[in-house]
Amino acid sequence: MQTVRKPEVILELGEADISALKQLVARTSEQVWNLENERKENNFGVFHHTRHIVFRFIEGMRDHRNFYSNPIWDVWQNDLLPVMHKAIESYQFQNAAFPKAMLARLSAGAVIDRHRDGAGSNLHTHKIHVPVQTNEKAIMFINDEPFHLREGRAYEVNNIVEHAVENLGTEDRIHLIFEVFDQVEKATA
């Protein structure tokens, strides 16, 4: 399995048109958020103030090539895929695969504790964040360096180094977060 080259901390990938996705997120009820959050596979302690809608996930979080879609993927994929493909345009993948895709909603005034994503599949995928709703007081820290990720922009984040988030604003911070890899194996010499 090929490992991917991660940015040292963060890499801005450019704009992504989130207008349709933003409208869909705005129409999503608290009931849907709560129901989908109860089903989430990534129920880790660091996310105590974060709700997720998980569209896709990796079986056992080990092999990035073995992933599945939750039923909500079928409802959202037409709004998600254009954003995801636009975000990774610069990678020029021949056959992009998206083994994880989710919305992450960090409550206003809350934090995501400092952590590193486990090795496993994370060594073989690029971790992309696209802010759908944010505010100036929502800050991501990667190796203690602060970053404000702007709405409608795509970023690759180095998720295997220490990172954390604080949202000291008055509105929730919602990111589309997904992982991607090229299913075309590169020949090695």
N, C-alpha and C. Protein backbone atom coordinates (compact mmCIF):
# COMPACT_ATOMS: atom_id res chain seq x y z
N MET A 1 0.84 -1.19 0.00
CA MET A 1 0.00 0.00 0.00
C MET A 1 0.88 1.24 0.00
N GLN A 2 0.49 2.16 -0.81
CA GLN A 2 1.24 3.39 -0.95
C GLN A 2 0.85 4.39 0.14
N THR A 3 1.85 4.98 0.82
CA THR A 3 1.56 6.05 1.77
C THR A 3 1.53 7.37 1.01
N VAL A 4 0.77 8.31 1.53
CA VAL A 4 0.66 9.61 0.87
C VAL A 4 1.58 10.61 1.56
N ARG A 5 1.95 11.61 0.82
CA ARG A 5 2.77 12.70 1.37
C ARG A 5 1.82 13.74 1.93
N LYS A 6 1.93 13.99 3.21
CA LYS A 6 1.07 14.96 3.89
C LYS A 6 1.78 16.31 3.92
N PRO A 7 1.02 17.41 3.97
CA PRO A 7 1.69 18.71 4.16
C PRO A 7 2.30 18.76 5.55
N GLU A 8 3.28 19.62 5.74
CA GLU A 8 3.90 19.73 7.06
C GLU A 8 2.84 20.05 8.12
N VAL A 9 1.96 21.00 7.82
CA VAL A 9 0.84 21.32 8.71
C VAL A 9 -0.46 21.40 7.93
N ILE A 10 -0.55 22.34 6.99
CA ILE A 10 -1.79 22.56 6.25
C ILE A 10 -1.45 23.05 4.85
N LEU A 11 -2.29 22.71 3.90
CA LEU A 11 -2.11 23.13 2.52
C LEU A 11 -3.45 23.66 2.01
N GLU A 12 -3.48 24.93 1.60
CA GLU A 12 -4.71 25.48 1.04
C GLU A 12 -4.83 25.01 -0.40
N LEU A 13 -5.98 24.43 -0.73
CA LEU A 13 -6.20 23.85 -2.06
C LEU A 13 -6.98 24.76 -2.99
N GLY A 14 -7.65 25.77 -2.45
CA GLY A 14 -8.40 26.69 -3.30
C GLY A 14 -9.88 26.71 -2.97
N GLU A 15 -10.62 27.38 -3.83
CA GLU A 15 -12.06 27.56 -3.63
C GLU A 15 -12.83 26.31 -4.01
N ALA A 16 -13.97 26.15 -3.34
CA ALA A 16 -14.92 25.09 -3.68
C ALA A 16 -16.31 25.71 -3.55
N ASP A 17 -17.13 25.54 -4.56
CA ASP A 17 -18.47 26.11 -4.53
C ASP A 17 -19.34 25.30 -3.57
N ILE A 18 -19.63 25.90 -2.42
CA ILE A 18 -20.41 25.20 -1.40
C ILE A 18 -21.85 25.68 -1.34
N SER A 19 -22.30 26.49 -2.29
CA SER A 19 -23.62 27.12 -2.20
C SER A 19 -24.75 26.11 -2.04
N ALA A 20 -24.78 25.07 -2.85
CA ALA A 20 -25.85 24.06 -2.74
C ALA A 20 -25.72 23.28 -1.43
N LEU A 21 -24.50 22.94 -1.06
CA LEU A 21 -24.27 22.21 0.18
C LEU A 21 -24.65 23.05 1.39
N LYS A 22 -24.32 24.31 1.36
CA LYS A 22 -24.64 25.22 2.47
C LYS A 22 -26.15 25.30 2.67
N GLN A 23 -26.91 25.35 1.58
CA GLN A 23 -28.37 25.39 1.68
C GLN A 23 -28.91 24.09 2.27
N LEU A 24 -28.35 22.97 1.84
CA LEU A 24 -28.79 21.67 2.36
C LEU A 24 -28.47 21.55 3.85
N VAL A 25 -27.30 21.99 4.25
CA VAL A 25 -26.94 21.96 5.67
C VAL A 25 -27.89 22.84 6.48
N ALA A 26 -28.22 24.02 5.96
CA ALA A 26 -29.12 24.94 6.67
C ALA A 26 -30.51 24.34 6.85
N ARG A 27 -30.94 23.50 5.91
CA ARG A 27 -32.26 22.86 5.99
C ARG A 27 -32.26 21.59 6.84
N THR A 28 -31.10 21.14 7.26
CA THR A 28 -31.02 19.89 8.02
C THR A 28 -31.47 20.13 9.46
N SER A 29 -32.43 19.35 9.88
CA SER A 29 -33.03 19.55 11.20
C SER A 29 -32.11 19.06 12.32
N GLU A 30 -32.37 19.56 13.50
CA GLU A 30 -31.65 19.10 14.69
C GLU A 30 -31.90 17.61 14.91
N GLN A 31 -33.09 17.16 14.56
CA GLN A 31 -33.44 15.74 14.71
C GLN A 31 -32.52 14.88 13.85
N VAL A 32 -32.26 15.29 12.61
CA VAL A 32 -31.35 14.54 11.73
C VAL A 32 -29.94 14.56 12.29
N TRP A 33 -29.48 15.74 12.70
CA TRP A 33 -28.14 15.84 13.30
C TRP A 33 -28.01 14.88 14.49
N ASN A 34 -29.00 14.88 15.37
CA ASN A 34 -28.92 14.04 16.57
C ASN A 34 -29.00 12.56 16.23
N LEU A 35 -29.88 12.19 15.33
CA LEU A 35 -30.03 10.78 14.94
C LEU A 35 -28.76 10.27 14.27
N GLU A 36 -28.22 11.02 13.32
CA GLU A 36 -27.00 10.59 12.63
C GLU A 36 -25.80 10.57 13.59
N ASN A 37 -25.77 11.52 14.52
CA ASN A 37 -24.66 11.55 15.48
C ASN A 37 -24.68 10.31 16.37
N GLU A 38 -25.86 9.84 16.73
CA GLU A 38 -25.97 8.63 17.57
C GLU A 38 -25.42 7.40 16.85
N ARG A 39 -25.44 7.40 15.52
CA ARG A 39 -24.98 6.27 14.72
C ARG A 39 -23.49 6.34 14.37
N LYS A 40 -22.84 7.44 14.70
CA LYS A 40 -21.49 7.66 14.18
C LYS A 40 -20.49 6.61 14.66
N GLU A 41 -19.58 6.29 13.76
CA GLU A 41 -18.54 5.31 14.03
C GLU A 41 -17.36 5.95 14.75
N ASN A 42 -17.17 7.23 14.58
CA ASN A 42 -16.02 7.95 15.17
C ASN A 42 -16.42 8.60 16.49
N ASN A 43 -16.89 7.79 17.40
CA ASN A 43 -17.37 8.27 18.69
C ASN A 43 -16.22 8.32 19.70
N PHE A 44 -15.29 9.22 19.49
CA PHE A 44 -14.10 9.34 20.32
C PHE A 44 -14.29 10.47 21.33
N GLY A 45 -13.65 10.35 22.48
CA GLY A 45 -13.80 11.32 23.55
C GLY A 45 -13.45 12.75 23.17
N VAL A 46 -12.49 12.94 22.25
CA VAL A 46 -12.08 14.30 21.88
C VAL A 46 -13.21 15.07 21.19
N PHE A 47 -14.22 14.34 20.71
CA PHE A 47 -15.34 14.97 20.00
C PHE A 47 -16.55 15.21 20.90
N HIS A 48 -16.33 15.42 22.20
CA HIS A 48 -17.45 15.53 23.15
C HIS A 48 -18.39 16.68 22.85
N HIS A 49 -17.96 17.69 22.09
CA HIS A 49 -18.85 18.81 21.74
C HIS A 49 -19.08 18.88 20.23
N THR A 50 -18.85 17.76 19.55
CA THR A 50 -18.97 17.73 18.09
C THR A 50 -19.99 16.68 17.69
N ARG A 51 -20.92 17.10 16.83
CA ARG A 51 -21.86 16.15 16.24
C ARG A 51 -21.44 15.89 14.80
N HIS A 52 -21.69 14.69 14.34
CA HIS A 52 -21.30 14.30 12.98
C HIS A 52 -22.48 13.71 12.22
N ILE A 53 -22.46 13.96 10.93
CA ILE A 53 -23.27 13.19 9.99
C ILE A 53 -22.25 12.44 9.15
N VAL A 54 -22.17 11.13 9.34
CA VAL A 54 -21.16 10.32 8.67
C VAL A 54 -21.79 9.69 7.43
N PHE A 55 -21.26 10.07 6.27
CA PHE A 55 -21.74 9.55 4.99
C PHE A 55 -21.02 8.27 4.60
N ARG A 56 -19.70 8.28 4.78
CA ARG A 56 -18.86 7.13 4.43
C ARG A 56 -17.84 6.93 5.54
N PHE A 57 -17.43 5.66 5.70
CA PHE A 57 -16.44 5.37 6.73
C PHE A 57 -15.68 4.11 6.36
N ILE A 58 -14.50 3.98 6.93
CA ILE A 58 -13.61 2.85 6.66
C ILE A 58 -13.90 1.73 7.66
N GLU A 59 -14.12 0.53 7.14
CA GLU A 59 -14.39 -0.62 8.01
C GLU A 59 -13.22 -0.85 8.95
N GLY A 60 -13.47 -0.80 10.24
CA GLY A 60 -12.43 -1.04 11.23
C GLY A 60 -11.35 0.02 11.27
N MET A 61 -11.48 1.07 10.52
CA MET A 61 -10.54 2.20 10.46
C MET A 61 -9.11 1.77 10.14
N ARG A 62 -8.92 0.70 9.41
CA ARG A 62 -7.57 0.21 9.11
C ARG A 62 -7.21 0.35 7.64
N ASP A 63 -7.91 -0.37 6.78
CA ASP A 63 -7.56 -0.41 5.36
C ASP A 63 -8.46 0.55 4.58
N HIS A 64 -7.86 1.61 4.10
CA HIS A 64 -8.61 2.67 3.39
C HIS A 64 -9.36 2.16 2.17
N ARG A 65 -8.99 1.00 1.66
CA ARG A 65 -9.65 0.46 0.47
C ARG A 65 -10.96 -0.25 0.80
N ASN A 66 -11.19 -0.51 2.09
CA ASN A 66 -12.42 -1.18 2.53
C ASN A 66 -13.31 -0.20 3.27
N PHE A 67 -14.22 0.40 2.53
CA PHE A 67 -15.10 1.40 3.13
C PHE A 67 -16.53 1.15 2.69
N TYR A 68 -17.45 1.79 3.37
CA TYR A 68 -18.87 1.61 3.08
C TYR A 68 -19.58 2.96 3.14
N SER A 69 -20.75 3.00 2.56
CA SER A 69 -21.59 4.20 2.59
C SER A 69 -22.77 3.96 3.51
N ASN A 70 -23.08 4.94 4.34
CA ASN A 70 -24.30 4.90 5.13
C ASN A 70 -25.46 5.33 4.24
N PRO A 71 -26.70 4.97 4.60
CA PRO A 71 -27.85 5.32 3.74
C PRO A 71 -27.96 6.80 3.41
N ILE A 72 -27.54 7.68 4.30
CA ILE A 72 -27.66 9.12 4.04
C ILE A 72 -26.76 9.58 2.89
N TRP A 73 -25.72 8.80 2.57
CA TRP A 73 -24.86 9.11 1.42
C TRP A 73 -25.69 9.22 0.15
N ASP A 74 -26.65 8.31 -0.03
CA ASP A 74 -27.48 8.31 -1.25
C ASP A 74 -28.27 9.61 -1.39
N VAL A 75 -28.66 10.20 -0.28
CA VAL A 75 -29.44 11.44 -0.29
C VAL A 75 -28.56 12.66 -0.59
N TRP A 76 -27.32 12.65 -0.08
CA TRP A 76 -26.45 13.82 -0.12
C TRP A 76 -25.40 13.79 -1.22
N GLN A 77 -25.11 12.65 -1.80
CA GLN A 77 -23.94 12.54 -2.68
C GLN A 77 -23.94 13.51 -3.86
N ASN A 78 -25.09 13.83 -4.40
CA ASN A 78 -25.12 14.76 -5.54
C ASN A 78 -24.69 16.17 -5.16
N ASP A 79 -24.83 16.52 -3.88
CA ASP A 79 -24.37 17.83 -3.41
C ASP A 79 -22.95 17.76 -2.86
N LEU A 80 -22.52 16.59 -2.39
CA LEU A 80 -21.19 16.44 -1.83
C LEU A 80 -20.11 16.24 -2.89
N LEU A 81 -20.36 15.37 -3.84
CA LEU A 81 -19.32 14.99 -4.81
C LEU A 81 -18.76 16.16 -5.61
N PRO A 82 -19.57 17.10 -6.11
CA PRO A 82 -18.96 18.23 -6.83
C PRO A 82 -17.99 19.04 -5.95
N VAL A 83 -18.32 19.24 -4.69
CA VAL A 83 -17.44 19.96 -3.77
C VAL A 83 -16.16 19.16 -3.55
N MET A 84 -16.30 17.86 -3.34
CA MET A 84 -15.15 17.00 -3.07
C MET A 84 -14.21 16.94 -4.28
N HIS A 85 -14.77 16.77 -5.46
CA HIS A 85 -13.94 16.72 -6.67
C HIS A 85 -13.24 18.05 -6.94
N LYS A 86 -13.94 19.15 -6.72
CA LYS A 86 -13.33 20.47 -6.92
C LYS A 86 -12.18 20.68 -5.94
N ALA A 87 -12.39 20.26 -4.68
CA ALA A 87 -11.38 20.46 -3.65
C ALA A 87 -10.07 19.76 -3.98
N ILE A 88 -10.14 18.61 -4.65
CA ILE A 88 -8.93 17.82 -4.92
C ILE A 88 -8.43 17.95 -6.35
N GLU A 89 -8.98 18.87 -7.08
CA GLU A 89 -8.63 19.06 -8.49
C GLU A 89 -7.12 19.11 -8.72
N SER A 90 -6.40 19.79 -7.87
CA SER A 90 -4.95 19.96 -8.07
C SER A 90 -4.17 18.65 -7.93
N TYR A 91 -4.75 17.65 -7.30
CA TYR A 91 -4.05 16.36 -7.16
C TYR A 91 -4.01 15.58 -8.48
N GLN A 92 -4.91 15.89 -9.39
CA GLN A 92 -4.98 15.23 -10.70
C GLN A 92 -5.03 13.71 -10.58
N PHE A 93 -5.86 13.22 -9.68
CA PHE A 93 -6.02 11.78 -9.51
C PHE A 93 -6.70 11.18 -10.73
N GLN A 94 -6.30 9.97 -11.07
CA GLN A 94 -6.93 9.26 -12.18
C GLN A 94 -8.26 8.65 -11.76
N ASN A 95 -8.34 8.18 -10.51
CA ASN A 95 -9.54 7.51 -10.03
C ASN A 95 -9.69 7.76 -8.53
N ALA A 96 -10.17 8.95 -8.18
CA ALA A 96 -10.28 9.33 -6.77
C ALA A 96 -11.31 8.48 -6.05
N ALA A 97 -10.94 8.04 -4.85
CA ALA A 97 -11.86 7.31 -3.97
C ALA A 97 -11.98 8.10 -2.67
N PHE A 98 -13.18 8.13 -2.13
CA PHE A 98 -13.48 8.89 -0.92
C PHE A 98 -13.95 7.92 0.16
N PRO A 99 -13.02 7.34 0.93
CA PRO A 99 -13.43 6.32 1.90
C PRO A 99 -14.08 6.88 3.16
N LYS A 100 -13.83 8.13 3.49
CA LYS A 100 -14.51 8.78 4.61
C LYS A 100 -15.08 10.10 4.12
N ALA A 101 -16.29 10.39 4.55
CA ALA A 101 -16.92 11.68 4.26
C ALA A 101 -17.93 11.96 5.36
N MET A 102 -17.87 13.16 5.89
CA MET A 102 -18.78 13.50 7.00
C MET A 102 -18.90 15.01 7.14
N LEU A 103 -19.94 15.42 7.81
CA LEU A 103 -20.06 16.78 8.30
C LEU A 103 -19.73 16.74 9.78
N ALA A 104 -18.92 17.68 10.23
CA ALA A 104 -18.55 17.78 11.64
C ALA A 104 -19.01 19.15 12.14
N ARG A 105 -19.82 19.14 13.19
CA ARG A 105 -20.42 20.37 13.72
C ARG A 105 -19.95 20.59 15.16
N LEU A 106 -19.02 21.51 15.31
CA LEU A 106 -18.49 21.86 16.63
C LEU A 106 -19.34 22.98 17.20
N SER A 107 -19.89 22.75 18.38
CA SER A 107 -20.77 23.73 19.03
C SER A 107 -20.04 25.04 19.29
N ALA A 108 -20.80 26.12 19.29
CA ALA A 108 -20.26 27.44 19.65
C ALA A 108 -19.74 27.37 21.08
N GLY A 109 -18.57 27.99 21.31
CA GLY A 109 -17.99 28.02 22.64
C GLY A 109 -17.33 26.73 23.08
N ALA A 110 -17.12 25.79 22.17
CA ALA A 110 -16.59 24.48 22.53
C ALA A 110 -15.26 24.20 21.84
N VAL A 111 -14.66 23.06 22.20
CA VAL A 111 -13.36 22.68 21.67
C VAL A 111 -13.36 21.22 21.24
N ILE A 112 -12.41 20.91 20.37
CA ILE A 112 -12.02 19.52 20.08
C ILE A 112 -10.64 19.39 20.70
N ASP A 113 -10.51 18.45 21.61
CA ASP A 113 -9.26 18.29 22.34
C ASP A 113 -8.10 17.94 21.41
N ARG A 114 -6.89 18.26 21.88
CA ARG A 114 -5.66 17.95 21.15
C ARG A 114 -5.58 16.43 20.96
N HIS A 115 -5.29 16.03 19.72
CA HIS A 115 -5.18 14.61 19.41
C HIS A 115 -4.42 14.42 18.10
N ARG A 116 -4.08 13.18 17.81
CA ARG A 116 -3.54 12.76 16.52
C ARG A 116 -4.46 11.67 16.02
N ASP A 117 -4.76 11.69 14.73
CA ASP A 117 -5.55 10.59 14.17
C ASP A 117 -4.65 9.36 14.13
N GLY A 118 -5.18 8.21 14.49
CA GLY A 118 -4.39 6.98 14.52
C GLY A 118 -3.75 6.66 13.19
N ALA A 119 -2.73 5.85 13.22
CA ALA A 119 -1.99 5.49 11.99
C ALA A 119 -2.94 4.81 11.01
N GLY A 120 -3.05 3.52 11.01
CA GLY A 120 -3.99 2.78 10.15
C GLY A 120 -4.18 3.39 8.78
N SER A 121 -5.42 3.67 8.43
CA SER A 121 -5.76 4.20 7.11
C SER A 121 -5.26 5.61 6.89
N ASN A 122 -5.03 6.36 7.95
CA ASN A 122 -4.65 7.78 7.81
C ASN A 122 -3.32 7.99 7.10
N LEU A 123 -2.48 6.98 7.06
CA LEU A 123 -1.20 7.09 6.35
C LEU A 123 -1.38 7.00 4.84
N HIS A 124 -2.54 6.57 4.40
CA HIS A 124 -2.76 6.28 2.98
C HIS A 124 -3.80 7.20 2.33
N THR A 125 -4.26 8.20 3.08
CA THR A 125 -5.28 9.11 2.55
C THR A 125 -4.90 10.56 2.84
N HIS A 126 -5.42 11.44 2.02
CA HIS A 126 -5.32 12.89 2.25
C HIS A 126 -6.56 13.30 3.02
N LYS A 127 -6.40 14.11 4.07
CA LYS A 127 -7.53 14.56 4.89
C LYS A 127 -7.87 15.99 4.50
N ILE A 128 -9.08 16.18 3.98
CA ILE A 128 -9.51 17.46 3.43
C ILE A 128 -10.63 18.06 4.30
N HIS A 129 -10.51 19.35 4.58
CA HIS A 129 -11.55 20.11 5.28
C HIS A 129 -12.08 21.18 4.35
N VAL A 130 -13.40 21.30 4.28
CA VAL A 130 -14.05 22.39 3.55
C VAL A 130 -15.04 23.04 4.52
N PRO A 131 -14.72 24.20 5.07
CA PRO A 131 -15.66 24.87 5.97
C PRO A 131 -16.94 25.28 5.24
N VAL A 132 -18.07 24.88 5.81
CA VAL A 132 -19.38 25.20 5.26
C VAL A 132 -20.02 26.33 6.06
N GLN A 133 -19.72 26.36 7.36
CA GLN A 133 -20.18 27.45 8.23
C GLN A 133 -19.09 27.65 9.27
N THR A 134 -18.65 28.88 9.42
CA THR A 134 -17.58 29.15 10.38
C THR A 134 -17.68 30.59 10.86
N ASN A 135 -16.75 30.97 11.70
CA ASN A 135 -16.67 32.35 12.19
C ASN A 135 -15.21 32.64 12.50
N GLU A 136 -14.88 33.89 12.65
CA GLU A 136 -13.49 34.31 12.86
C GLU A 136 -12.87 33.74 14.13
N LYS A 137 -13.70 33.32 15.08
CA LYS A 137 -13.18 32.80 16.34
C LYS A 137 -13.10 31.27 16.35
N ALA A 138 -13.29 30.66 15.19
CA ALA A 138 -13.10 29.21 15.05
C ALA A 138 -11.67 29.00 14.54
N ILE A 139 -10.83 28.44 15.39
CA ILE A 139 -9.41 28.30 15.09
C ILE A 139 -8.99 26.84 15.21
N MET A 140 -8.25 26.36 14.21
CA MET A 140 -7.66 25.03 14.25
C MET A 140 -6.19 25.21 14.59
N PHE A 141 -5.71 24.38 15.50
CA PHE A 141 -4.30 24.39 15.88
C PHE A 141 -3.66 23.12 15.37
N ILE A 142 -2.60 23.26 14.59
CA ILE A 142 -1.85 22.10 14.10
C ILE A 142 -0.42 22.31 14.57
N ASN A 143 0.06 21.36 15.38
CA ASN A 143 1.38 21.53 16.03
C ASN A 143 1.46 22.89 16.73
N ASP A 144 0.39 23.27 17.39
CA ASP A 144 0.27 24.52 18.15
C ASP A 144 0.24 25.78 17.29
N GLU A 145 0.25 25.65 15.98
CA GLU A 145 0.17 26.81 15.09
C GLU A 145 -1.31 27.07 14.76
N PRO A 146 -1.81 28.31 14.99
CA PRO A 146 -3.23 28.60 14.76
C PRO A 146 -3.55 28.88 13.28
N PHE A 147 -4.71 28.38 12.86
CA PHE A 147 -5.20 28.61 11.50
C PHE A 147 -6.70 28.86 11.56
N HIS A 148 -7.15 29.87 10.82
CA HIS A 148 -8.59 30.05 10.61
C HIS A 148 -8.89 29.55 9.21
N LEU A 149 -9.68 28.51 9.10
CA LEU A 149 -10.04 27.94 7.80
C LEU A 149 -11.29 28.68 7.31
N ARG A 150 -11.16 29.30 6.15
CA ARG A 150 -12.22 30.16 5.63
C ARG A 150 -13.31 29.36 4.92
N GLU A 151 -14.51 29.83 5.06
CA GLU A 151 -15.67 29.20 4.43
C GLU A 151 -15.51 29.17 2.92
N GLY A 152 -15.86 28.01 2.33
CA GLY A 152 -15.81 27.87 0.89
C GLY A 152 -14.42 27.64 0.32
N ARG A 153 -13.45 27.39 1.17
CA ARG A 153 -12.08 27.07 0.74
C ARG A 153 -11.81 25.63 1.15
N ALA A 154 -10.92 24.97 0.45
CA ALA A 154 -10.54 23.59 0.77
C ALA A 154 -9.12 23.57 1.28
N TYR A 155 -8.88 22.70 2.26
CA TYR A 155 -7.57 22.60 2.90
C TYR A 155 -7.23 21.13 3.12
N GLU A 156 -5.99 20.77 2.84
CA GLU A 156 -5.51 19.47 3.31
C GLU A 156 -4.83 19.71 4.64
N VAL A 157 -5.19 18.90 5.62
CA VAL A 157 -4.68 19.02 6.97
C VAL A 157 -3.81 17.80 7.28
N ASN A 158 -2.68 18.02 7.90
CA ASN A 158 -1.87 16.91 8.36
C ASN A 158 -2.52 16.39 9.64
N ASN A 159 -3.24 15.28 9.52
CA ASN A 159 -4.01 14.76 10.65
C ASN A 159 -3.24 13.76 11.50
N ILE A 160 -1.98 13.48 11.15
CA ILE A 160 -1.22 12.54 11.97
C ILE A 160 -0.24 13.26 12.91
N VAL A 161 -0.30 14.59 12.90
CA VAL A 161 0.41 15.37 13.91
C VAL A 161 -0.65 15.92 14.87
N GLU A 162 -0.21 16.45 16.00
CA GLU A 162 -1.17 16.95 16.98
C GLU A 162 -1.99 18.11 16.41
N HIS A 163 -3.30 18.03 16.62
CA HIS A 163 -4.18 19.11 16.20
C HIS A 163 -5.36 19.21 17.17
N ALA A 164 -5.96 20.38 17.20
CA ALA A 164 -7.09 20.67 18.08
C ALA A 164 -7.86 21.83 17.46
N VAL A 165 -9.06 22.07 17.98
CA VAL A 165 -9.89 23.16 17.48
C VAL A 165 -10.56 23.84 18.66
N GLU A 166 -10.68 25.17 18.56
CA GLU A 166 -11.52 25.90 19.50
C GLU A 166 -12.47 26.77 18.69
N ASN A 167 -13.72 26.78 19.13
CA ASN A 167 -14.73 27.63 18.49
C ASN A 167 -15.25 28.58 19.56
N LEU A 168 -14.63 29.72 19.67
CA LEU A 168 -15.03 30.70 20.68
C LEU A 168 -16.08 31.66 20.16
N GLY A 169 -16.58 31.39 18.96
CA GLY A 169 -17.62 32.23 18.36
C GLY A 169 -19.00 31.91 18.91
N THR A 170 -20.00 32.60 18.35
CA THR A 170 -21.38 32.43 18.82
C THR A 170 -22.20 31.53 17.93
N GLU A 171 -21.59 31.00 16.85
CA GLU A 171 -22.31 30.06 15.99
C GLU A 171 -21.48 28.80 15.83
N ASP A 172 -22.17 27.70 15.55
CA ASP A 172 -21.49 26.42 15.36
C ASP A 172 -20.58 26.48 14.14
N ARG A 173 -19.51 25.72 14.20
CA ARG A 173 -18.57 25.57 13.09
C ARG A 173 -18.88 24.23 12.42
N ILE A 174 -19.18 24.26 11.12
CA ILE A 174 -19.52 23.03 10.39
C ILE A 174 -18.55 22.87 9.22
N HIS A 175 -17.86 21.74 9.19
CA HIS A 175 -16.93 21.43 8.11
C HIS A 175 -17.36 20.15 7.41
N LEU A 176 -17.23 20.15 6.09
CA LEU A 176 -17.23 18.91 5.33
C LEU A 176 -15.80 18.38 5.46
N ILE A 177 -15.67 17.18 5.98
CA ILE A 177 -14.36 16.55 6.14
C ILE A 177 -14.39 15.24 5.38
N PHE A 178 -13.38 15.03 4.55
CA PHE A 178 -13.33 13.76 3.83
C PHE A 178 -11.89 13.33 3.62
N GLU A 179 -11.74 12.06 3.35
CA GLU A 179 -10.43 11.51 3.02
C GLU A 179 -10.48 11.03 1.58
N VAL A 180 -9.33 11.09 0.91
CA VAL A 180 -9.27 10.74 -0.49
C VAL A 180 -7.93 10.08 -0.80
N PHE A 181 -7.97 9.18 -1.77
CA PHE A 181 -6.75 8.59 -2.31
C PHE A 181 -7.01 8.23 -3.76
N ASP A 182 -5.94 8.05 -4.51
CA ASP A 182 -6.06 7.66 -5.91
C ASP A 182 -6.06 6.14 -5.99
N GLN A 183 -7.12 5.57 -6.52
CA GLN A 183 -7.23 4.11 -6.59
C GLN A 183 -6.28 3.51 -7.61
N VAL A 184 -5.65 4.34 -8.42
CA VAL A 184 -4.69 3.84 -9.39
C VAL A 184 -3.35 3.73 -8.69
N GLU A 185 -2.87 2.50 -8.54
CA GLU A 185 -1.57 2.29 -7.88
C GLU A 185 -0.46 2.76 -8.80
N LYS A 186 0.47 3.50 -8.25
CA LYS A 186 1.62 3.97 -9.02
C LYS A 186 2.69 2.88 -9.05
N ALA A 187 3.29 2.69 -10.20
CA ALA A 187 4.38 1.71 -10.31
C ALA A 187 5.61 2.23 -9.59
N THR A 188 6.28 1.36 -8.88
CA THR A 188 7.51 1.76 -8.20
C THR A 188 8.70 1.14 -8.89
N ALA A 189 9.77 1.88 -8.98
CA ALA A 189 10.97 1.38 -9.68
C ALA A 189 11.88 0.64 -8.73
